[in-house]
Amino acid sequence: MLRAGNVGLPNVGKSTLFNAVVANAKAQAANFPFCTIEPNVGLCTVPDERLDVLAKISSSAEILPARVEFVDIAGLVKGASKGEGLGNQFLANIREVDAIVHVVRCFENDDIVHVAGSVDPERDIEIINIELALSDMGSAERRLERARKEMRTKKEAAIEVAALEKLLPALEEGLPARTVALDEEERFAIKSLGLLTLKPVIYAANVSEDDLATGNAFVEKVR
């Protein structure tokens, strides 16, 4: 079963999204940072109209749609890769999911606190991406040092070294590991590292009800 996790700055609507997609979910959503500390976990079904057609063809008595485990992870802040705002704990939670749903605030409301003091989705996305990349960089540097020592005795260590040497320059620039071209052997060699920026990402723009149908200038910055 796919495991997807909500990621983003504090107070951008992660728990609100979790409550919207998970049936009977009651995650606390409040107007202050770090409302969520321990991750909320729930299951949501994936709508698929093809199942109804297949059920009729096969005369199936029961339809079981695919399900996704959804994890509502506490907000990351600038400096999370160095432990700021319980960053180490929250980054570990992200490491356990298969895919990331990056929630970005795309509405203005003076009554709702923004940890950076203003709404700027491009800045917010960059903060999260840099923190994830810095966390991966630390993991990659430690693994590279060990893999270089193992090259004399382990053939697969050379593949791992090659992959990590490709990744590190990108991570040092704050770029995600998924932007680096790796072959199948290299991806397999570093799989156990669980790099955060190798995970697929979906951006979820949190907009006001007035902009739900048409979007707004903030949403265009996320596209």
C-alpha atoms as a PDB file:
ATOM      1  CA  MET A   1       0.000   0.000   0.000  1.00  0.00           C
ATOM      2  CA  LEU A   2       1.303   3.440  -0.949  1.00  0.00           C
ATOM      3  CA  ARG A   3       2.117   5.694   2.009  1.00  0.00           C
ATOM      4  CA  ALA A   4       1.876   9.438   1.333  1.00  0.00           C
ATOM      5  CA  GLY A   5       2.800  12.174   3.786  1.00  0.00           C
ATOM      6  CA  ASN A   6       1.714  15.804   4.137  1.00  0.00           C
ATOM      7  CA  VAL A   7       4.736  18.105   4.226  1.00  0.00           C
ATOM      8  CA  GLY A   8       5.014  21.887   4.504  1.00  0.00           C
ATOM      9  CA  LEU A   9       5.618  24.825   6.801  1.00  0.00           C
ATOM     10  CA  PRO A  10       3.626  24.999  10.051  1.00  0.00           C
ATOM     11  CA  ASN A  11       0.060  26.294   9.860  1.00  0.00           C
ATOM     12  CA  VAL A  12      -0.408  26.031   6.070  1.00  0.00           C
ATOM     13  CA  GLY A  13      -3.357  23.599   6.114  1.00  0.00           C
ATOM     14  CA  LYS A  14      -1.785  20.147   6.280  1.00  0.00           C
ATOM     15  CA  SER A  15      -4.148  18.813   8.954  1.00  0.00           C
ATOM     16  CA  THR A  16      -7.120  20.427   7.194  1.00  0.00           C
ATOM     17  CA  LEU A  17      -6.221  18.500   4.024  1.00  0.00           C
ATOM     18  CA  PHE A  18      -5.779  15.313   6.049  1.00  0.00           C
ATOM     19  CA  ASN A  19      -9.256  15.708   7.545  1.00  0.00           C
ATOM     20  CA  ALA A  20     -10.709  16.343   4.076  1.00  0.00           C
ATOM     21  CA  VAL A  21      -9.347  13.196   2.422  1.00  0.00           C
ATOM     22  CA  VAL A  22      -9.454  10.695   5.298  1.00  0.00           C
ATOM     23  CA  ALA A  23     -12.950   9.556   6.264  1.00  0.00           C
ATOM     24  CA  ASN A  24     -13.922  10.376   9.854  1.00  0.00           C
ATOM     25  CA  ALA A  25     -10.514  11.945  10.539  1.00  0.00           C
ATOM     26  CA  LYS A  26     -10.397  14.382  13.433  1.00  0.00           C
ATOM     27  CA  ALA A  27      -6.847  15.718  13.368  1.00  0.00           C
ATOM     28  CA  GLN A  28      -6.580  18.971  15.312  1.00  0.00           C
ATOM     29  CA  ALA A  29      -6.307  21.990  12.999  1.00  0.00           C
ATOM     30  CA  ALA A  30      -5.671  25.246  14.860  1.00  0.00           C
ATOM     31  CA  ASN A  31      -4.408  28.758  14.109  1.00  0.00           C
ATOM     32  CA  PHE A  32      -0.940  28.357  15.593  1.00  0.00           C
ATOM     33  CA  PRO A  33       2.309  26.655  14.518  1.00  0.00           C
ATOM     34  CA  PHE A  34       3.090  23.077  15.603  1.00  0.00           C
ATOM     35  CA  CYS A  35      -0.520  22.203  16.347  1.00  0.00           C
ATOM     36  CA  THR A  36       0.542  18.720  15.162  1.00  0.00           C
ATOM     37  CA  ILE A  37       3.519  17.015  16.832  1.00  0.00           C
ATOM     38  CA  GLU A  38       2.925  13.282  16.499  1.00  0.00           C
ATOM     39  CA  PRO A  39       1.830  12.326  12.960  1.00  0.00           C
ATOM     40  CA  ASN A  40      -1.823  11.531  12.294  1.00  0.00           C
ATOM     41  CA  VAL A  41      -2.356   8.430  10.159  1.00  0.00           C
ATOM     42  CA  GLY A  42      -5.446   7.358   8.208  1.00  0.00           C
ATOM     43  CA  LEU A  43      -6.615   5.509   5.106  1.00  0.00           C
ATOM     44  CA  CYS A  44      -8.322   7.013   2.076  1.00  0.00           C
ATOM     45  CA  THR A  45      -9.795   5.260  -0.955  1.00  0.00           C
ATOM     46  CA  VAL A  46      -8.800   6.127  -4.519  1.00  0.00           C
ATOM     47  CA  PRO A  47     -11.891   6.746  -6.714  1.00  0.00           C
ATOM     48  CA  ASP A  48     -11.766   4.795  -9.966  1.00  0.00           C
ATOM     49  CA  GLU A  49     -14.826   4.692 -12.259  1.00  0.00           C
ATOM     50  CA  ARG A  50     -13.321   1.765 -14.165  1.00  0.00           C
ATOM     51  CA  LEU A  51     -14.011  -0.496 -11.189  1.00  0.00           C
ATOM     52  CA  ASP A  52     -17.785  -0.166 -11.675  1.00  0.00           C
ATOM     53  CA  VAL A  53     -17.446  -1.211 -15.316  1.00  0.00           C
ATOM     54  CA  LEU A  54     -15.207  -4.170 -14.454  1.00  0.00           C
ATOM     55  CA  ALA A  55     -17.561  -5.229 -11.657  1.00  0.00           C
ATOM     56  CA  LYS A  56     -20.488  -5.370 -14.102  1.00  0.00           C
ATOM     57  CA  ILE A  57     -18.471  -7.351 -16.639  1.00  0.00           C
ATOM     58  CA  SER A  58     -17.306  -9.877 -14.052  1.00  0.00           C
ATOM     59  CA  SER A  59     -20.519  -9.814 -11.963  1.00  0.00           C
ATOM     60  CA  SER A  60     -18.474  -9.055  -8.868  1.00  0.00           C
ATOM     61  CA  ALA A  61     -20.439  -8.875  -5.639  1.00  0.00           C
ATOM     62  CA  GLU A  62     -17.976  -6.516  -4.015  1.00  0.00           C
ATOM     63  CA  ILE A  63     -15.797  -3.633  -5.201  1.00  0.00           C
ATOM     64  CA  LEU A  64     -12.583  -2.945  -3.306  1.00  0.00           C
ATOM     65  CA  PRO A  65     -10.931   0.285  -4.497  1.00  0.00           C
ATOM     66  CA  ALA A  66      -7.242   0.929  -3.982  1.00  0.00           C
ATOM     67  CA  ARG A  67      -6.345   2.602  -0.709  1.00  0.00           C
ATOM     68  CA  VAL A  68      -3.588   4.998   0.294  1.00  0.00           C
ATOM     69  CA  GLU A  69      -2.236   5.444   3.797  1.00  0.00           C
ATOM     70  CA  PHE A  70      -2.126   9.179   4.456  1.00  0.00           C
ATOM     71  CA  VAL A  71       0.213  10.633   7.093  1.00  0.00           C
ATOM     72  CA  ASP A  72      -0.230  14.137   8.483  1.00  0.00           C
ATOM     73  CA  ILE A  73       3.312  15.221   9.432  1.00  0.00           C
ATOM     74  CA  ALA A  74       4.126  18.218  11.621  1.00  0.00           C
ATOM     75  CA  GLY A  75       5.398  21.379   9.933  1.00  0.00           C
ATOM     76  CA  LEU A  76       9.046  21.942   9.068  1.00  0.00           C
ATOM     77  CA  VAL A  77      10.782  25.274   9.657  1.00  0.00           C
ATOM     78  CA  LYS A  78      13.972  26.868   8.403  1.00  0.00           C
ATOM     79  CA  GLY A  79      16.821  25.060  10.130  1.00  0.00           C
ATOM     80  CA  ALA A  80      14.918  21.763  10.435  1.00  0.00           C
ATOM     81  CA  SER A  81      17.889  19.877   8.970  1.00  0.00           C
ATOM     82  CA  LYS A  82      19.873  21.081  12.014  1.00  0.00           C
ATOM     83  CA  GLY A  83      17.156  20.074  14.455  1.00  0.00           C
ATOM     84  CA  GLU A  84      15.221  23.362  14.666  1.00  0.00           C
ATOM     85  CA  GLY A  85      11.557  22.967  15.640  1.00  0.00           C
ATOM     86  CA  LEU A  86      11.934  19.240  16.381  1.00  0.00           C
ATOM     87  CA  GLY A  87      13.213  18.980  12.816  1.00  0.00           C
ATOM     88  CA  ASN A  88      15.031  15.662  13.281  1.00  0.00           C
ATOM     89  CA  GLN A  89      11.844  13.975  14.456  1.00  0.00           C
ATOM     90  CA  PHE A  90       9.726  15.395  11.640  1.00  0.00           C
ATOM     91  CA  LEU A  91      12.315  14.569   8.963  1.00  0.00           C
ATOM     92  CA  ALA A  92      12.360  10.980  10.238  1.00  0.00           C
ATOM     93  CA  ASN A  93       8.574  10.877   9.783  1.00  0.00           C
ATOM     94  CA  ILE A  94       8.974  12.000   6.162  1.00  0.00           C
ATOM     95  CA  ARG A  95      11.608   9.335   5.563  1.00  0.00           C
ATOM     96  CA  GLU A  96       9.004   6.652   6.291  1.00  0.00           C
ATOM     97  CA  VAL A  97       6.590   7.638   3.485  1.00  0.00           C
ATOM     98  CA  ASP A  98       6.725   6.685  -0.197  1.00  0.00           C
ATOM     99  CA  ALA A  99       5.491   9.995  -1.624  1.00  0.00           C
ATOM    100  CA  ILE A 100       5.201  13.602  -0.461  1.00  0.00           C
ATOM    101  CA  VAL A 101       2.175  15.885  -0.652  1.00  0.00           C
ATOM    102  CA  HIS A 102       3.692  19.355  -0.241  1.00  0.00           C
ATOM    103  CA  VAL A 103       0.985  21.691   1.092  1.00  0.00           C
ATOM    104  CA  VAL A 104       1.528  25.359   0.237  1.00  0.00           C
ATOM    105  CA  ARG A 105      -0.489  28.306   1.516  1.00  0.00           C
ATOM    106  CA  CYS A 106      -1.921  30.276  -1.416  1.00  0.00           C
ATOM    107  CA  PHE A 107      -4.347  32.665   0.273  1.00  0.00           C
ATOM    108  CA  GLU A 108      -4.116  35.844   2.318  1.00  0.00           C
ATOM    109  CA  ASN A 109      -5.858  36.191   5.673  1.00  0.00           C
ATOM    110  CA  ASP A 110      -4.501  38.462   8.388  1.00  0.00           C
ATOM    111  CA  ASP A 111      -6.274  36.383  11.030  1.00  0.00           C
ATOM    112  CA  ILE A 112      -4.300  33.236  10.172  1.00  0.00           C
ATOM    113  CA  VAL A 113      -0.676  33.216  11.302  1.00  0.00           C
ATOM    114  CA  HIS A 114       2.121  32.573   8.791  1.00  0.00           C
ATOM    115  CA  VAL A 115       5.445  31.608  10.378  1.00  0.00           C
ATOM    116  CA  ALA A 116       7.366  33.777   7.889  1.00  0.00           C
ATOM    117  CA  GLY A 117       5.067  36.773   8.361  1.00  0.00           C
ATOM    118  CA  SER A 118       3.780  36.895   4.779  1.00  0.00           C
ATOM    119  CA  VAL A 119       2.337  34.683   2.034  1.00  0.00           C
ATOM    120  CA  ASP A 120       4.936  33.732  -0.576  1.00  0.00           C
ATOM    121  CA  PRO A 121       4.538  30.207  -1.984  1.00  0.00           C
ATOM    122  CA  GLU A 122       7.804  30.282  -3.936  1.00  0.00           C
ATOM    123  CA  ARG A 123       9.764  31.163  -0.795  1.00  0.00           C
ATOM    124  CA  ASP A 124       7.886  28.584   1.260  1.00  0.00           C
ATOM    125  CA  ILE A 125       8.555  25.817  -1.267  1.00  0.00           C
ATOM    126  CA  GLU A 126      12.232  26.760  -1.391  1.00  0.00           C
ATOM    127  CA  ILE A 127      12.531  26.632   2.414  1.00  0.00           C
ATOM    128  CA  ILE A 128      11.176  23.087   2.518  1.00  0.00           C
ATOM    129  CA  ASN A 129      13.190  21.917  -0.498  1.00  0.00           C
ATOM    130  CA  ILE A 130      16.426  23.283   0.957  1.00  0.00           C
ATOM    131  CA  GLU A 131      15.828  21.661   4.347  1.00  0.00           C
ATOM    132  CA  LEU A 132      15.107  18.300   2.720  1.00  0.00           C
ATOM    133  CA  ALA A 133      18.177  18.645   0.484  1.00  0.00           C
ATOM    134  CA  LEU A 134      20.413  19.570   3.438  1.00  0.00           C
ATOM    135  CA  SER A 135      19.176  16.557   5.359  1.00  0.00           C
ATOM    136  CA  ASP A 136      19.912  14.338   2.350  1.00  0.00           C
ATOM    137  CA  MET A 137      23.317  15.959   1.916  1.00  0.00           C
ATOM    138  CA  GLY A 138      24.308  15.012   5.454  1.00  0.00           C
ATOM    139  CA  SER A 139      23.147  11.434   4.909  1.00  0.00           C
ATOM    140  CA  ALA A 140      24.937  11.207   1.549  1.00  0.00           C
ATOM    141  CA  GLU A 141      28.215  12.606   2.894  1.00  0.00           C
ATOM    142  CA  ARG A 142      28.292  10.110   5.751  1.00  0.00           C
ATOM    143  CA  ARG A 143      27.468   7.199   3.455  1.00  0.00           C
ATOM    144  CA  LEU A 144      30.033   8.292   0.840  1.00  0.00           C
ATOM    145  CA  GLU A 145      32.815   8.303   3.412  1.00  0.00           C
ATOM    146  CA  ARG A 146      31.941   4.756   4.433  1.00  0.00           C
ATOM    147  CA  ALA A 147      31.425   3.509   0.860  1.00  0.00           C
ATOM    148  CA  ARG A 148      34.858   4.749  -0.215  1.00  0.00           C
ATOM    149  CA  LYS A 149      36.433   2.651   2.535  1.00  0.00           C
ATOM    150  CA  GLU A 150      34.436  -0.393   1.425  1.00  0.00           C
ATOM    151  CA  MET A 151      35.428  -0.147  -2.251  1.00  0.00           C
ATOM    152  CA  ARG A 152      38.432  -2.437  -1.741  1.00  0.00           C
ATOM    153  CA  THR A 153      36.329  -5.317  -0.476  1.00  0.00           C
ATOM    154  CA  LYS A 154      32.832  -4.734  -1.882  1.00  0.00           C
ATOM    155  CA  LYS A 155      32.184  -4.459  -5.615  1.00  0.00           C
ATOM    156  CA  GLU A 156      28.781  -2.778  -5.113  1.00  0.00           C
ATOM    157  CA  ALA A 157      30.418  -0.011  -3.083  1.00  0.00           C
ATOM    158  CA  ALA A 158      31.901   1.439  -6.291  1.00  0.00           C
ATOM    159  CA  ILE A 159      28.404   1.846  -7.750  1.00  0.00           C
ATOM    160  CA  GLU A 160      27.251   3.516  -4.548  1.00  0.00           C
ATOM    161  CA  VAL A 161      30.205   5.913  -4.611  1.00  0.00           C
ATOM    162  CA  ALA A 162      29.468   6.841  -8.231  1.00  0.00           C
ATOM    163  CA  ALA A 163      25.820   7.562  -7.402  1.00  0.00           C
ATOM    164  CA  LEU A 164      26.618   9.637  -4.322  1.00  0.00           C
ATOM    165  CA  GLU A 165      29.268  11.658  -6.164  1.00  0.00           C
ATOM    166  CA  LYS A 166      26.612  12.544  -8.752  1.00  0.00           C
ATOM    167  CA  LEU A 167      24.067  13.507  -6.108  1.00  0.00           C
ATOM    168  CA  LEU A 168      26.141  15.631  -3.751  1.00  0.00           C
ATOM    169  CA  PRO A 169      26.754  18.632  -6.079  1.00  0.00           C
ATOM    170  CA  ALA A 170      22.993  18.976  -6.639  1.00  0.00           C
ATOM    171  CA  LEU A 171      22.175  18.614  -2.942  1.00  0.00           C
ATOM    172  CA  GLU A 172      24.811  21.216  -2.062  1.00  0.00           C
ATOM    173  CA  GLU A 173      22.924  23.667  -4.297  1.00  0.00           C
ATOM    174  CA  GLY A 174      19.634  22.840  -2.571  1.00  0.00           C
ATOM    175  CA  LEU A 175      18.349  20.828  -5.545  1.00  0.00           C
ATOM    176  CA  PRO A 176      16.401  17.592  -5.006  1.00  0.00           C
ATOM    177  CA  ALA A 177      18.078  14.269  -5.721  1.00  0.00           C
ATOM    178  CA  ARG A 178      15.312  13.378  -8.205  1.00  0.00           C
ATOM    179  CA  THR A 179      16.727  16.020 -10.596  1.00  0.00           C
ATOM    180  CA  VAL A 180      19.910  13.947 -10.997  1.00  0.00           C
ATOM    181  CA  ALA A 181      20.026  11.256 -13.684  1.00  0.00           C
ATOM    182  CA  LEU A 182      20.849   7.891 -12.090  1.00  0.00           C
ATOM    183  CA  ASP A 183      20.767   4.480 -13.744  1.00  0.00           C
ATOM    184  CA  GLU A 184      18.926   1.518 -12.265  1.00  0.00           C
ATOM    185  CA  GLU A 185      22.016   0.096 -10.533  1.00  0.00           C
ATOM    186  CA  GLU A 186      22.833   3.430  -8.926  1.00  0.00           C
ATOM    187  CA  ARG A 187      19.271   3.911  -7.676  1.00  0.00           C
ATOM    188  CA  PHE A 188      19.302   0.437  -6.153  1.00  0.00           C
ATOM    189  CA  ALA A 189      22.686   1.073  -4.506  1.00  0.00           C
ATOM    190  CA  ILE A 190      21.391   4.114  -2.595  1.00  0.00           C
ATOM    191  CA  LYS A 191      17.846   2.881  -1.961  1.00  0.00           C
ATOM    192  CA  SER A 192      18.540   2.031   1.679  1.00  0.00           C
ATOM    193  CA  LEU A 193      19.523   5.664   2.328  1.00  0.00           C
ATOM    194  CA  GLY A 194      15.878   6.675   2.013  1.00  0.00           C
ATOM    195  CA  LEU A 195      16.713  10.064   0.525  1.00  0.00           C
ATOM    196  CA  LEU A 196      13.876  12.520   1.077  1.00  0.00           C
ATOM    197  CA  THR A 197      14.359  14.401  -2.186  1.00  0.00           C
ATOM    198  CA  LEU A 198      14.182  11.227  -4.277  1.00  0.00           C
ATOM    199  CA  LYS A 199      10.543  10.775  -3.284  1.00  0.00           C
ATOM    200  CA  PRO A 200       7.868  11.866  -5.799  1.00  0.00           C
ATOM    201  CA  VAL A 201       6.097  15.115  -4.871  1.00  0.00           C
ATOM    202  CA  ILE A 202       2.607  16.505  -5.458  1.00  0.00           C
ATOM    203  CA  TYR A 203       2.046  20.183  -4.644  1.00  0.00           C
ATOM    204  CA  ALA A 204      -1.286  20.972  -2.978  1.00  0.00           C
ATOM    205  CA  ALA A 205      -2.173  24.673  -3.138  1.00  0.00           C
ATOM    206  CA  ASN A 206      -4.362  25.722  -0.203  1.00  0.00           C
ATOM    207  CA  VAL A 207      -6.651  28.471  -1.527  1.00  0.00           C
ATOM    208  CA  SER A 208      -9.661  30.359  -0.204  1.00  0.00           C
ATOM    209  CA  GLU A 209     -13.141  29.182  -1.194  1.00  0.00           C
ATOM    210  CA  ASP A 210     -13.478  32.203  -3.499  1.00  0.00           C
ATOM    211  CA  ASP A 211     -10.464  31.037  -5.531  1.00  0.00           C
ATOM    212  CA  LEU A 212     -11.300  27.335  -5.507  1.00  0.00           C
ATOM    213  CA  ALA A 213     -12.533  27.222  -9.106  1.00  0.00           C
ATOM    214  CA  THR A 214     -10.247  29.774 -10.742  1.00  0.00           C
ATOM    215  CA  GLY A 215      -7.075  29.810  -8.660  1.00  0.00           C
ATOM    216  CA  ASN A 216      -5.085  32.998  -8.070  1.00  0.00           C
ATOM    217  CA  ALA A 217      -1.675  34.603  -8.571  1.00  0.00           C
ATOM    218  CA  PHE A 218      -0.209  32.552  -5.717  1.00  0.00           C
ATOM    219  CA  VAL A 219      -1.321  29.299  -7.361  1.00  0.00           C
ATOM    220  CA  GLU A 220       0.328  30.329 -10.631  1.00  0.00           C
ATOM    221  CA  LYS A 221       3.633  30.599  -8.766  1.00  0.00           C
ATOM    222  CA  VAL A 222       3.277  27.002  -7.616  1.00  0.00           C
ATOM    223  CA  ARG A 223       2.524  25.575 -11.079  1.00  0.00           C
END
